[in-house]
């Protein structure tokens, strides 16, 4: 999780989009306003900050509970089942490696026995 998301509750992309939309609305409000441009632009900024605060509140609240699906028992159970399956697979591989080591030792002994009579002659 990024530092921005931990502190603000929103991703950096969300904040950039919020700022971009706010700037666009401020420019549109400033160009269409007759004589009271500053008040309209300030109002747009204030509304944008309120919206950002509400979004942050819900994002942090959701973050405390965990995102949907990230901390539910089903996800944890699925992950445990996956890890258990991997563990069984590794145990099976260890058994096969042990069998192959025994076969290799047996083959080496047979080859050594086959060479012994040649040395004795």
PDB file of N, CA and C in Angstrom:
ATOM      1  N   UNK A   1       0.854  -1.165   0.000  1.00  0.00           N
ATOM      2  CA  UNK A   1       0.000   0.000   0.000  1.00  0.00           C
ATOM      3  C   UNK A   1       0.902   1.230   0.000  1.00  0.00           C
ATOM      4  N   UNK A   2       0.584   2.171  -0.817  1.00  0.00           N
ATOM      5  CA  UNK A   2       1.413   3.365  -0.949  1.00  0.00           C
ATOM      6  C   UNK A   2       1.214   4.306   0.241  1.00  0.00           C
ATOM      7  N   UNK A   3       2.192   5.185   0.422  1.00  0.00           N
ATOM      8  CA  UNK A   3       2.138   6.158   1.509  1.00  0.00           C
ATOM      9  C   UNK A   3       0.922   7.066   1.349  1.00  0.00           C
ATOM     10  N   UNK A   4       0.648   7.490   0.112  1.00  0.00           N
ATOM     11  CA  UNK A   4      -0.486   8.393  -0.137  1.00  0.00           C
ATOM     12  C   UNK A   4      -1.783   7.711   0.263  1.00  0.00           C
ATOM     13  N   UNK A   5      -1.935   6.449  -0.098  1.00  0.00           N
ATOM     14  CA  UNK A   5      -3.172   5.743   0.227  1.00  0.00           C
ATOM     15  C   UNK A   5      -3.321   5.548   1.735  1.00  0.00           C
ATOM     16  N   UNK A   6      -2.216   5.291   2.436  1.00  0.00           N
ATOM     17  CA  UNK A   6      -2.291   5.138   3.891  1.00  0.00           C
ATOM     18  C   UNK A   6      -2.720   6.435   4.566  1.00  0.00           C
ATOM     19  N   UNK A   7      -2.157   7.554   4.111  1.00  0.00           N
ATOM     20  CA  UNK A   7      -2.411   8.832   4.776  1.00  0.00           C
ATOM     21  C   UNK A   7      -3.743   9.456   4.360  1.00  0.00           C
ATOM     22  N   UNK A   8      -4.033   9.433   3.080  1.00  0.00           N
ATOM     23  CA  UNK A   8      -5.219  10.126   2.567  1.00  0.00           C
ATOM     24  C   UNK A   8      -6.401   9.181   2.409  1.00  0.00           C
ATOM     25  N   UNK A   9      -6.131   7.916   2.180  1.00  0.00           N
ATOM     26  CA  UNK A   9      -7.203   6.964   1.956  1.00  0.00           C
ATOM     27  C   UNK A   9      -7.530   6.790   0.493  1.00  0.00           C
ATOM     28  N   UNK A  10      -6.963   7.629  -0.351  1.00  0.00           N
ATOM     29  CA  UNK A  10      -7.201   7.567  -1.792  1.00  0.00           C
ATOM     30  C   UNK A  10      -5.867   7.375  -2.505  1.00  0.00           C
ATOM     31  N   UNK A  11      -5.915   6.760  -3.665  1.00  0.00           N
ATOM     32  CA  UNK A  11      -4.711   6.622  -4.481  1.00  0.00           C
ATOM     33  C   UNK A  11      -4.310   7.971  -5.044  1.00  0.00           C
ATOM     34  N   UNK A  12      -3.050   8.062  -5.440  1.00  0.00           N
ATOM     35  CA  UNK A  12      -2.556   9.286  -6.066  1.00  0.00           C
ATOM     36  C   UNK A  12      -3.324   9.627  -7.326  1.00  0.00           C
ATOM     37  N   UNK A  13      -3.722   8.602  -8.067  1.00  0.00           N
ATOM     38  CA  UNK A  13      -4.490   8.826  -9.300  1.00  0.00           C
ATOM     39  C   UNK A  13      -5.835   9.468  -8.976  1.00  0.00           C
ATOM     40  N   UNK A  14      -6.485   9.000  -7.917  1.00  0.00           N
ATOM     41  CA  UNK A  14      -7.770   9.595  -7.512  1.00  0.00           C
ATOM     42  C   UNK A  14      -7.611  11.068  -7.161  1.00  0.00           C
ATOM     43  N   UNK A  15      -6.534  11.384  -6.473  1.00  0.00           N
ATOM     44  CA  UNK A  15      -6.295  12.779  -6.087  1.00  0.00           C
ATOM     45  C   UNK A  15      -6.020  13.636  -7.314  1.00  0.00           C
ATOM     46  N   UNK A  16      -5.236  13.113  -8.257  1.00  0.00           N
ATOM     47  CA  UNK A  16      -4.947  13.861  -9.489  1.00  0.00           C
ATOM     48  C   UNK A  16      -6.225  14.077 -10.288  1.00  0.00           C
ATOM     49  N   UNK A  17      -7.075  13.068 -10.368  1.00  0.00           N
ATOM     50  CA  UNK A  17      -8.352  13.221 -11.083  1.00  0.00           C
ATOM     51  C   UNK A  17      -9.217  14.267 -10.388  1.00  0.00           C
ATOM     52  N   UNK A  18      -9.291  14.215  -9.064  1.00  0.00           N
ATOM     53  CA  UNK A  18     -10.063  15.217  -8.307  1.00  0.00           C
ATOM     54  C   UNK A  18      -9.545  16.617  -8.608  1.00  0.00           C
ATOM     55  N   UNK A  19      -8.213  16.787  -8.576  1.00  0.00           N
ATOM     56  CA  UNK A  19      -7.625  18.108  -8.842  1.00  0.00           C
ATOM     57  C   UNK A  19      -7.894  18.543 -10.278  1.00  0.00           C
ATOM     58  N   UNK A  20      -7.783  17.621 -11.221  1.00  0.00           N
ATOM     59  CA  UNK A  20      -8.028  17.966 -12.628  1.00  0.00           C
ATOM     60  C   UNK A  20      -9.456  18.400 -12.878  1.00  0.00           C
ATOM     61  N   UNK A  21     -10.399  17.664 -12.328  1.00  0.00           N
ATOM     62  CA  UNK A  21     -11.810  18.026 -12.497  1.00  0.00           C
ATOM     63  C   UNK A  21     -12.090  19.368 -11.828  1.00  0.00           C
ATOM     64  N   UNK A  22     -11.508  19.579 -10.654  1.00  0.00           N
ATOM     65  CA  UNK A  22     -11.699  20.854  -9.956  1.00  0.00           C
ATOM     66  C   UNK A  22     -11.156  22.012 -10.783  1.00  0.00           C
ATOM     67  N   UNK A  23      -9.965  21.853 -11.320  1.00  0.00           N
ATOM     68  CA  UNK A  23      -9.373  22.915 -12.157  1.00  0.00           C
ATOM     69  C   UNK A  23     -10.244  23.199 -13.376  1.00  0.00           C
ATOM     70  N   UNK A  24     -10.714  22.120 -14.015  1.00  0.00           N
ATOM     71  CA  UNK A  24     -11.553  22.297 -15.198  1.00  0.00           C
ATOM     72  C   UNK A  24     -12.825  23.068 -14.851  1.00  0.00           C
ATOM     73  N   UNK A  25     -13.474  22.689 -13.753  1.00  0.00           N
ATOM     74  CA  UNK A  25     -14.713  23.372 -13.355  1.00  0.00           C
ATOM     75  C   UNK A  25     -14.419  24.817 -12.961  1.00  0.00           C
ATOM     76  N   UNK A  26     -13.278  25.069 -12.309  1.00  0.00           N
ATOM     77  CA  UNK A  26     -12.907  26.449 -11.955  1.00  0.00           C
ATOM     78  C   UNK A  26     -12.693  27.291 -13.204  1.00  0.00           C
ATOM     79  N   UNK A  27     -12.020  26.736 -14.190  1.00  0.00           N
ATOM     80  CA  UNK A  27     -11.790  27.477 -15.443  1.00  0.00           C
ATOM     81  C   UNK A  27     -13.110  27.764 -16.136  1.00  0.00           C
ATOM     82  N   UNK A  28     -13.984  26.759 -16.196  1.00  0.00           N
ATOM     83  CA  UNK A  28     -15.282  26.959 -16.842  1.00  0.00           C
ATOM     84  C   UNK A  28     -16.112  27.994 -16.079  1.00  0.00           C
ATOM     85  N   UNK A  29     -16.078  27.923 -14.750  1.00  0.00           N
ATOM     86  CA  UNK A  29     -16.848  28.880 -13.942  1.00  0.00           C
ATOM     87  C   UNK A  29     -16.278  30.283 -14.090  1.00  0.00           C
ATOM     88  N   UNK A  30     -14.958  30.406 -14.138  1.00  0.00           N
ATOM     89  CA  UNK A  30     -14.326  31.718 -14.276  1.00  0.00           C
ATOM     90  C   UNK A  30     -14.587  32.346 -15.625  1.00  0.00           C
ATOM     91  N   UNK A  31     -14.639  31.527 -16.668  1.00  0.00           N
ATOM     92  CA  UNK A  31     -14.859  32.091 -18.003  1.00  0.00           C
ATOM     93  C   UNK A  31     -16.326  32.411 -18.263  1.00  0.00           C
ATOM     94  N   UNK A  32     -17.239  31.752 -17.557  1.00  0.00           N
ATOM     95  CA  UNK A  32     -18.658  32.009 -17.811  1.00  0.00           C
ATOM     96  C   UNK A  32     -19.257  33.023 -16.840  1.00  0.00           C
ATOM     97  N   UNK A  33     -18.571  33.316 -15.741  1.00  0.00           N
ATOM     98  CA  UNK A  33     -19.110  34.259 -14.757  1.00  0.00           C
ATOM     99  C   UNK A  33     -18.999  35.679 -15.289  1.00  0.00           C
ATOM    100  N   UNK A  34     -19.989  36.487 -14.950  1.00  0.00           N
ATOM    101  CA  UNK A  34     -19.995  37.871 -15.407  1.00  0.00           C
ATOM    102  C   UNK A  34     -19.027  38.739 -14.631  1.00  0.00           C
ATOM    103  N   UNK A  35     -19.348  39.114 -13.423  1.00  0.00           N
ATOM    104  CA  UNK A  35     -18.503  40.034 -12.694  1.00  0.00           C
ATOM    105  C   UNK A  35     -18.002  39.482 -11.374  1.00  0.00           C
ATOM    106  N   UNK A  36     -18.536  38.380 -10.934  1.00  0.00           N
ATOM    107  CA  UNK A  36     -18.179  37.847  -9.625  1.00  0.00           C
ATOM    108  C   UNK A  36     -17.392  36.542  -9.784  1.00  0.00           C
ATOM    109  N   UNK A  37     -16.305  36.589 -10.544  1.00  0.00           N
ATOM    110  CA  UNK A  37     -15.528  35.392 -10.867  1.00  0.00           C
ATOM    111  C   UNK A  37     -14.848  34.792  -9.645  1.00  0.00           C
ATOM    112  N   UNK A  38     -14.269  35.658  -8.798  1.00  0.00           N
ATOM    113  CA  UNK A  38     -13.511  35.165  -7.652  1.00  0.00           C
ATOM    114  C   UNK A  38     -14.390  34.363  -6.695  1.00  0.00           C
ATOM    115  N   UNK A  39     -15.576  34.850  -6.445  1.00  0.00           N
ATOM    116  CA  UNK A  39     -16.477  34.155  -5.525  1.00  0.00           C
ATOM    117  C   UNK A  39     -16.899  32.809  -6.098  1.00  0.00           C
ATOM    118  N   UNK A  40     -17.170  32.771  -7.394  1.00  0.00           N
ATOM    119  CA  UNK A  40     -17.588  31.526  -8.031  1.00  0.00           C
ATOM    120  C   UNK A  40     -16.448  30.509  -8.036  1.00  0.00           C
ATOM    121  N   UNK A  41     -15.235  30.964  -8.355  1.00  0.00           N
ATOM    122  CA  UNK A  41     -14.074  30.063  -8.358  1.00  0.00           C
ATOM    123  C   UNK A  41     -13.794  29.561  -6.936  1.00  0.00           C
ATOM    124  N   UNK A  42     -13.894  30.439  -5.955  1.00  0.00           N
ATOM    125  CA  UNK A  42     -13.716  30.036  -4.557  1.00  0.00           C
ATOM    126  C   UNK A  42     -14.766  29.035  -4.116  1.00  0.00           C
ATOM    127  N   UNK A  43     -15.996  29.243  -4.567  1.00  0.00           N
ATOM    128  CA  UNK A  43     -17.071  28.304  -4.240  1.00  0.00           C
ATOM    129  C   UNK A  43     -16.830  26.934  -4.837  1.00  0.00           C
ATOM    130  N   UNK A  44     -16.350  26.916  -6.083  1.00  0.00           N
ATOM    131  CA  UNK A  44     -16.034  25.634  -6.729  1.00  0.00           C
ATOM    132  C   UNK A  44     -14.929  24.923  -5.947  1.00  0.00           C
ATOM    133  N   UNK A  45     -13.908  25.679  -5.534  1.00  0.00           N
ATOM    134  CA  UNK A  45     -12.824  25.089  -4.744  1.00  0.00           C
ATOM    135  C   UNK A  45     -13.315  24.537  -3.418  1.00  0.00           C
ATOM    136  N   UNK A  46     -14.206  25.285  -2.758  1.00  0.00           N
ATOM    137  CA  UNK A  46     -14.749  24.836  -1.473  1.00  0.00           C
ATOM    138  C   UNK A  46     -15.575  23.568  -1.634  1.00  0.00           C
ATOM    139  N   UNK A  47     -16.411  23.532  -2.671  1.00  0.00           N
ATOM    140  CA  UNK A  47     -17.224  22.337  -2.924  1.00  0.00           C
ATOM    141  C   UNK A  47     -16.318  21.144  -3.223  1.00  0.00           C
ATOM    142  N   UNK A  48     -15.269  21.383  -3.991  1.00  0.00           N
ATOM    143  CA  UNK A  48     -14.337  20.305  -4.318  1.00  0.00           C
ATOM    144  C   UNK A  48     -13.652  19.764  -3.067  1.00  0.00           C
ATOM    145  N   UNK A  49     -13.263  20.665  -2.151  1.00  0.00           N
ATOM    146  CA  UNK A  49     -12.639  20.214  -0.909  1.00  0.00           C
ATOM    147  C   UNK A  49     -13.617  19.417  -0.045  1.00  0.00           C
ATOM    148  N   UNK A  50     -14.881  19.831  -0.032  1.00  0.00           N
ATOM    149  CA  UNK A  50     -15.886  19.080   0.722  1.00  0.00           C
ATOM    150  C   UNK A  50     -16.055  17.687   0.120  1.00  0.00           C
ATOM    151  N   UNK A  51     -16.136  17.623  -1.200  1.00  0.00           N
ATOM    152  CA  UNK A  51     -16.269  16.324  -1.870  1.00  0.00           C
ATOM    153  C   UNK A  51     -15.053  15.446  -1.579  1.00  0.00           C
ATOM    154  N   UNK A  52     -13.861  16.035  -1.633  1.00  0.00           N
ATOM    155  CA  UNK A  52     -12.641  15.284  -1.334  1.00  0.00           C
ATOM    156  C   UNK A  52     -12.652  14.788   0.111  1.00  0.00           C
ATOM    157  N   UNK A  53     -13.129  15.621   1.028  1.00  0.00           N
ATOM    158  CA  UNK A  53     -13.222  15.203   2.429  1.00  0.00           C
ATOM    159  C   UNK A  53     -14.177  14.041   2.622  1.00  0.00           C
ATOM    160  N   UNK A  54     -15.312  14.084   1.941  1.00  0.00           N
ATOM    161  CA  UNK A  54     -16.285  12.993   2.042  1.00  0.00           C
ATOM    162  C   UNK A  54     -15.694  11.710   1.458  1.00  0.00           C
ATOM    163  N   UNK A  55     -15.059  11.839   0.300  1.00  0.00           N
ATOM    164  CA  UNK A  55     -14.427  10.666  -0.318  1.00  0.00           C
ATOM    165  C   UNK A  55     -13.355  10.081   0.598  1.00  0.00           C
ATOM    166  N   UNK A  56     -12.563  10.954   1.214  1.00  0.00           N
ATOM    167  CA  UNK A  56     -11.497  10.513   2.120  1.00  0.00           C
ATOM    168  C   UNK A  56     -12.091   9.798   3.326  1.00  0.00           C
ATOM    169  N   UNK A  57     -13.163  10.366   3.879  1.00  0.00           N
ATOM    170  CA  UNK A  57     -13.815   9.758   5.036  1.00  0.00           C
ATOM    171  C   UNK A  57     -14.255   8.327   4.724  1.00  0.00           C
ATOM    172  N   UNK A  58     -14.955   8.157   3.617  1.00  0.00           N
ATOM    173  CA  UNK A  58     -15.437   6.825   3.263  1.00  0.00           C
ATOM    174  C   UNK A  58     -14.292   5.887   2.888  1.00  0.00           C
ATOM    175  N   UNK A  59     -13.256   6.416   2.247  1.00  0.00           N
ATOM    176  CA  UNK A  59     -12.107   5.576   1.887  1.00  0.00           C
ATOM    177  C   UNK A  59     -11.373   5.097   3.130  1.00  0.00           C
ATOM    178  N   UNK A  60     -11.165   5.985   4.105  1.00  0.00           N
ATOM    179  CA  UNK A  60     -10.494   5.579   5.337  1.00  0.00           C
ATOM    180  C   UNK A  60     -11.364   4.631   6.155  1.00  0.00           C
ATOM    181  N   UNK A  61     -12.675   4.861   6.143  1.00  0.00           N
ATOM    182  CA  UNK A  61     -13.588   3.975   6.851  1.00  0.00           C
ATOM    183  C   UNK A  61     -13.566   2.583   6.223  1.00  0.00           C
ATOM    184  N   UNK A  62     -13.572   2.541   4.909  1.00  0.00           N
ATOM    185  CA  UNK A  62     -13.492   1.271   4.188  1.00  0.00           C
ATOM    186  C   UNK A  62     -12.139   0.616   4.434  1.00  0.00           C
ATOM    187  N   UNK A  63     -11.072   1.423   4.503  1.00  0.00           N
ATOM    188  CA  UNK A  63      -9.736   0.893   4.746  1.00  0.00           C
ATOM    189  C   UNK A  63      -9.601   0.269   6.118  1.00  0.00           C
ATOM    190  N   UNK A  64     -10.306   0.801   7.104  1.00  0.00           N
ATOM    191  CA  UNK A  64     -10.256   0.233   8.450  1.00  0.00           C
ATOM    192  C   UNK A  64     -10.910  -1.140   8.481  1.00  0.00           C
ATOM    193  N   UNK A  65     -11.984  -1.294   7.733  1.00  0.00           N
ATOM    194  CA  UNK A  65     -12.652  -2.593   7.651  1.00  0.00           C
ATOM    195  C   UNK A  65     -11.937  -3.516   6.696  1.00  0.00           C
ATOM    196  N   UNK A  66     -11.179  -2.934   5.773  1.00  0.00           N
ATOM    197  CA  UNK A  66     -10.559  -3.722   4.719  1.00  0.00           C
ATOM    198  C   UNK A  66     -11.411  -3.633   3.481  1.00  0.00           C
ATOM    199  N   UNK A  67     -10.779  -3.660   2.356  1.00  0.00           N
ATOM    200  CA  UNK A  67     -11.520  -3.613   1.104  1.00  0.00           C
ATOM    201  C   UNK A  67     -12.359  -4.873   0.977  1.00  0.00           C
ATOM    202  N   UNK A  68     -13.427  -4.769   0.238  1.00  0.00           N
ATOM    203  CA  UNK A  68     -14.338  -5.895   0.082  1.00  0.00           C
ATOM    204  C   UNK A  68     -13.580  -7.067  -0.527  1.00  0.00           C
ATOM    205  N   UNK A  69     -13.679  -8.202   0.122  1.00  0.00           N
ATOM    206  CA  UNK A  69     -13.036  -9.399  -0.386  1.00  0.00           C
ATOM    207  C   UNK A  69     -11.605  -9.599   0.088  1.00  0.00           C
ATOM    208  N   UNK A  70     -10.980  -8.589   0.651  1.00  0.00           N
ATOM    209  CA  UNK A  70      -9.587  -8.745   1.056  1.00  0.00           C
ATOM    210  C   UNK A  70      -9.453  -9.389   2.425  1.00  0.00           C
ATOM    211  N   UNK A  71     -10.403  -9.170   3.301  1.00  0.00           N
ATOM    212  CA  UNK A  71     -10.266  -9.707   4.647  1.00  0.00           C
ATOM    213  C   UNK A  71     -11.420 -10.619   5.034  1.00  0.00           C
ATOM    214  N   UNK A  72     -12.205 -11.023   4.085  1.00  0.00           N
ATOM    215  CA  UNK A  72     -13.303 -11.911   4.431  1.00  0.00           C
ATOM    216  C   UNK A  72     -12.756 -13.294   4.726  1.00  0.00           C
ATOM    217  N   UNK A  73     -13.525 -14.055   5.456  1.00  0.00           N
ATOM    218  CA  UNK A  73     -13.109 -15.413   5.789  1.00  0.00           C
ATOM    219  C   UNK A  73     -12.958 -16.296   4.568  1.00  0.00           C
ATOM    220  N   UNK A  74     -13.758 -16.035   3.533  1.00  0.00           N
ATOM    221  CA  UNK A  74     -13.673 -16.849   2.323  1.00  0.00           C
ATOM    222  C   UNK A  74     -12.320 -16.699   1.651  1.00  0.00           C
ATOM    223  N   UNK A  75     -11.831 -15.478   1.569  1.00  0.00           N
ATOM    224  CA  UNK A  75     -10.544 -15.237   0.919  1.00  0.00           C
ATOM    225  C   UNK A  75      -9.433 -15.895   1.716  1.00  0.00           C
ATOM    226  N   UNK A  76      -9.490 -15.764   3.033  1.00  0.00           N
ATOM    227  CA  UNK A  76      -8.471 -16.381   3.879  1.00  0.00           C
ATOM    228  C   UNK A  76      -8.538 -17.900   3.756  1.00  0.00           C
ATOM    229  N   UNK A  77      -9.742 -18.450   3.733  1.00  0.00           N
ATOM    230  CA  UNK A  77      -9.891 -19.898   3.586  1.00  0.00           C
ATOM    231  C   UNK A  77      -9.351 -20.365   2.239  1.00  0.00           C
ATOM    232  N   UNK A  78      -9.627 -19.612   1.176  1.00  0.00           N
ATOM    233  CA  UNK A  78      -9.096 -19.965  -0.143  1.00  0.00           C
ATOM    234  C   UNK A  78      -7.578 -19.935  -0.141  1.00  0.00           C
ATOM    235  N   UNK A  79      -7.026 -18.934   0.489  1.00  0.00           N
ATOM    236  CA  UNK A  79      -5.561 -18.824   0.538  1.00  0.00           C
ATOM    237  C   UNK A  79      -4.952 -19.972   1.338  1.00  0.00           C
ATOM    238  N   UNK A  80      -5.577 -20.325   2.456  1.00  0.00           N
ATOM    239  CA  UNK A  80      -5.084 -21.454   3.241  1.00  0.00           C
ATOM    240  C   UNK A  80      -5.180 -22.758   2.463  1.00  0.00           C
ATOM    241  N   UNK A  81      -6.274 -22.925   1.724  1.00  0.00           N
ATOM    242  CA  UNK A  81      -6.419 -24.134   0.912  1.00  0.00           C
ATOM    243  C   UNK A  81      -5.344 -24.191  -0.168  1.00  0.00           C
ATOM    244  N   UNK A  82      -5.051 -23.055  -0.780  1.00  0.00           N
ATOM    245  CA  UNK A  82      -4.007 -23.004  -1.802  1.00  0.00           C
ATOM    246  C   UNK A  82      -2.640 -23.328  -1.201  1.00  0.00           C
ATOM    247  N   UNK A  83      -2.348 -22.773  -0.033  1.00  0.00           N
ATOM    248  CA  UNK A  83      -1.072 -23.058   0.626  1.00  0.00           C
ATOM    249  C   UNK A  83      -0.979 -24.522   1.047  1.00  0.00           C
ATOM    250  N   UNK A  84      -2.087 -25.086   1.503  1.00  0.00           N
ATOM    251  CA  UNK A  84      -2.106 -26.493   1.885  1.00  0.00           C
ATOM    252  C   UNK A  84      -1.858 -27.384   0.674  1.00  0.00           C
ATOM    253  N   UNK A  85      -2.463 -27.031  -0.461  1.00  0.00           N
ATOM    254  CA  UNK A  85      -2.240 -27.801  -1.687  1.00  0.00           C
ATOM    255  C   UNK A  85      -0.781 -27.717  -2.117  1.00  0.00           C
ATOM    256  N   UNK A  86      -0.189 -26.549  -2.005  1.00  0.00           N
ATOM    257  CA  UNK A  86       1.233 -26.407  -2.352  1.00  0.00           C
ATOM    258  C   UNK A  86       2.106 -27.235  -1.417  1.00  0.00           C
ATOM    259  N   UNK A  87       1.761 -27.256  -0.142  1.00  0.00           N
ATOM    260  CA  UNK A  87       2.530 -28.036   0.823  1.00  0.00           C
ATOM    261  C   UNK A  87       2.470 -29.523   0.488  1.00  0.00           C
ATOM    262  N   UNK A  88       1.276 -30.024   0.140  1.00  0.00           N
ATOM    263  CA  UNK A  88       1.146 -31.427  -0.254  1.00  0.00           C
ATOM    264  C   UNK A  88       1.943 -31.710  -1.525  1.00  0.00           C
ATOM    265  N   UNK A  89       1.936 -30.778  -2.452  1.00  0.00           N
ATOM    266  CA  UNK A  89       2.703 -30.940  -3.685  1.00  0.00           C
ATOM    267  C   UNK A  89       4.199 -31.017  -3.378  1.00  0.00           C
ATOM    268  N   UNK A  90       4.673 -30.174  -2.481  1.00  0.00           N
ATOM    269  CA  UNK A  90       6.091 -30.187  -2.103  1.00  0.00           C
ATOM    270  C   UNK A  90       6.434 -31.491  -1.390  1.00  0.00           C
ATOM    271  N   UNK A  91       5.534 -31.974  -0.524  1.00  0.00           N
ATOM    272  CA  UNK A  91       5.774 -33.255   0.139  1.00  0.00           C
ATOM    273  C   UNK A  91       5.896 -34.379  -0.881  1.00  0.00           C
ATOM    274  N   UNK A  92       5.021 -34.364  -1.884  1.00  0.00           N
ATOM    275  CA  UNK A  92       5.093 -35.367  -2.947  1.00  0.00           C
ATOM    276  C   UNK A  92       6.398 -35.283  -3.713  1.00  0.00           C
ATOM    277  N   UNK A  93       6.859 -34.076  -3.970  1.00  0.00           N
ATOM    278  CA  UNK A  93       8.129 -33.906  -4.675  1.00  0.00           C
ATOM    279  C   UNK A  93       9.294 -34.406  -3.825  1.00  0.00           C
ATOM    280  N   UNK A  94       9.251 -34.142  -2.527  1.00  0.00           N
ATOM    281  CA  UNK A  94      10.307 -34.638  -1.637  1.00  0.00           C
ATOM    282  C   UNK A  94      10.354 -36.161  -1.653  1.00  0.00           C
ATOM    283  N   UNK A  95       9.197 -36.804  -1.649  1.00  0.00           N
ATOM    284  CA  UNK A  95       9.130 -38.262  -1.703  1.00  0.00           C
ATOM    285  C   UNK A  95       9.738 -38.774  -3.005  1.00  0.00           C
ATOM    286  N   UNK A  96       9.402 -38.124  -4.110  1.00  0.00           N
ATOM    287  CA  UNK A  96       9.948 -38.548  -5.407  1.00  0.00           C
ATOM    288  C   UNK A  96      11.457 -38.357  -5.463  1.00  0.00           C
ATOM    289  N   UNK A  97      11.949 -37.255  -4.919  1.00  0.00           N
ATOM    290  CA  UNK A  97      13.397 -37.022  -4.903  1.00  0.00           C
ATOM    291  C   UNK A  97      14.085 -38.101  -4.073  1.00  0.00           C
ATOM    292  N   UNK A  98      13.490 -38.474  -2.962  1.00  0.00           N
ATOM    293  CA  UNK A  98      14.063 -39.518  -2.116  1.00  0.00           C
ATOM    294  C   UNK A  98      14.112 -40.850  -2.872  1.00  0.00           C
ATOM    295  N   UNK A  99      13.039 -41.188  -3.580  1.00  0.00           N
ATOM    296  CA  UNK A  99      13.026 -42.413  -4.384  1.00  0.00           C
ATOM    297  C   UNK A  99      14.096 -42.374  -5.462  1.00  0.00           C
ATOM    298  N   UNK A 100      14.230 -41.239  -6.135  1.00  0.00           N
ATOM    299  CA  UNK A 100      15.241 -41.123  -7.187  1.00  0.00           C
ATOM    300  C   UNK A 100      16.649 -41.241  -6.619  1.00  0.00           C
ATOM    301  N   UNK A 101      16.882 -40.713  -5.434  1.00  0.00           N
ATOM    302  CA  UNK A 101      18.194 -40.854  -4.796  1.00  0.00           C
ATOM    303  C   UNK A 101      18.498 -42.322  -4.511  1.00  0.00           C
ATOM    304  N   UNK A 102      17.495 -43.060  -4.021  1.00  0.00           N
ATOM    305  CA  UNK A 102      17.697 -44.485  -3.760  1.00  0.00           C
ATOM    306  C   UNK A 102      17.989 -45.241  -5.048  1.00  0.00           C
ATOM    307  N   UNK A 103      17.272 -44.936  -6.110  1.00  0.00           N
ATOM    308  CA  UNK A 103      17.517 -45.595  -7.397  1.00  0.00           C
ATOM    309  C   UNK A 103      18.912 -45.278  -7.921  1.00  0.00           C
ATOM    310  N   UNK A 104      19.323 -44.034  -7.768  1.00  0.00           N
ATOM    311  CA  UNK A 104      20.655 -43.640  -8.213  1.00  0.00           C
ATOM    312  C   UNK A 104      21.728 -44.377  -7.417  1.00  0.00           C
ATOM    313  N   UNK A 105      21.551 -44.484  -6.112  1.00  0.00           N
ATOM    314  CA  UNK A 105      22.508 -45.229  -5.288  1.00  0.00           C
ATOM    315  C   UNK A 105      22.572 -46.693  -5.720  1.00  0.00           C
ATOM    316  N   UNK A 106      21.415 -47.293  -5.968  1.00  0.00           N
ATOM    317  CA  UNK A 106      21.369 -48.687  -6.410  1.00  0.00           C
ATOM    318  C   UNK A 106      22.087 -48.855  -7.742  1.00  0.00           C
ATOM    319  N   UNK A 107      21.835 -47.935  -8.671  1.00  0.00           N
ATOM    320  CA  UNK A 107      22.486 -48.000  -9.985  1.00  0.00           C
ATOM    321  C   UNK A 107      23.991 -47.836  -9.846  1.00  0.00           C
ATOM    322  N   UNK A 108      24.440 -46.949  -8.999  1.00  0.00           N
ATOM    323  CA  UNK A 108      25.876 -46.763  -8.782  1.00  0.00           C
ATOM    324  C   UNK A 108      26.508 -48.025  -8.199  1.00  0.00           C
ATOM    325  N   UNK A 109      25.810 -48.685  -7.276  1.00  0.00           N
ATOM    326  CA  UNK A 109      26.342 -49.930  -6.711  1.00  0.00           C
ATOM    327  C   UNK A 109      26.436 -51.014  -7.773  1.00  0.00           C
ATOM    328  N   UNK A 110      25.405 -51.121  -8.631  1.00  0.00           N
ATOM    329  CA  UNK A 110      25.446 -52.119  -9.709  1.00  0.00           C
ATOM    330  C   UNK A 110      26.600 -51.853 -10.662  1.00  0.00           C
ATOM    331  N   UNK A 111      26.801 -50.597 -11.020  1.00  0.00           N
ATOM    332  CA  UNK A 111      27.910 -50.262 -11.919  1.00  0.00           C
ATOM    333  C   UNK A 111      29.255 -50.554 -11.255  1.00  0.00           C
ATOM    334  N   UNK A 112      29.354 -50.273  -9.977  1.00  0.00           N
ATOM    335  CA  UNK A 112      30.610 -50.549  -9.264  1.00  0.00           C
ATOM    336  C   UNK A 112      30.868 -52.051  -9.193  1.00  0.00           C
ATOM    337  N   UNK A 113      29.822 -52.859  -8.989  1.00  0.00           N
ATOM    338  CA  UNK A 113      29.983 -54.313  -8.948  1.00  0.00           C
ATOM    339  C   UNK A 113      30.364 -54.856 -10.314  1.00  0.00           C
ATOM    340  N   UNK A 114      29.813 -54.267 -11.373  1.00  0.00           N
ATOM    341  CA  UNK A 114      30.136 -54.732 -12.726  1.00  0.00           C
ATOM    342  C   UNK A 114      31.583 -54.425 -13.070  1.00  0.00           C
ATOM    343  N   UNK A 115      32.157 -53.400 -12.547  1.00  0.00           N
ATOM    344  CA  UNK A 115      33.542 -53.022 -12.841  1.00  0.00           C
ATOM    345  C   UNK A 115      34.538 -53.794 -11.974  1.00  0.00           C
ATOM    346  N   UNK A 116      34.129 -54.272 -10.835  1.00  0.00           N
ATOM    347  CA  UNK A 116      35.029 -54.993  -9.933  1.00  0.00           C
ATOM    348  C   UNK A 116      35.624 -56.239 -10.581  1.00  0.00           C
ATOM    349  N   UNK A 117      34.841 -57.104 -11.262  1.00  0.00           N
ATOM    350  CA  UNK A 117      35.467 -58.295 -11.877  1.00  0.00           C
ATOM    351  C   UNK A 117      36.520 -57.923 -12.920  1.00  0.00           C
ATOM    352  N   UNK A 118      36.331 -56.825 -13.631  1.00  0.00           N
ATOM    353  CA  UNK A 118      37.317 -56.409 -14.630  1.00  0.00           C
ATOM    354  C   UNK A 118      38.623 -56.029 -13.954  1.00  0.00           C
ATOM    355  N   UNK A 119      38.581 -55.438 -12.818  1.00  0.00           N
ATOM    356  CA  UNK A 119      39.784 -55.027 -12.101  1.00  0.00           C
ATOM    357  C   UNK A 119      40.545 -56.235 -11.548  1.00  0.00           C
ATOM    358  N   UNK A 120      39.802 -57.247 -11.155  1.00  0.00           N
ATOM    359  CA  UNK A 120      40.443 -58.423 -10.576  1.00  0.00           C
ATOM    360  C   UNK A 120      41.210 -59.231 -11.612  1.00  0.00           C
ATOM    361  N   UNK A 121      40.866 -59.160 -12.868  1.00  0.00           N
ATOM    362  CA  UNK A 121      41.523 -59.944 -13.923  1.00  0.00           C
ATOM    363  C   UNK A 121      42.842 -59.419 -14.246  1.00  0.00           C
TER     364      UNK A 121
END
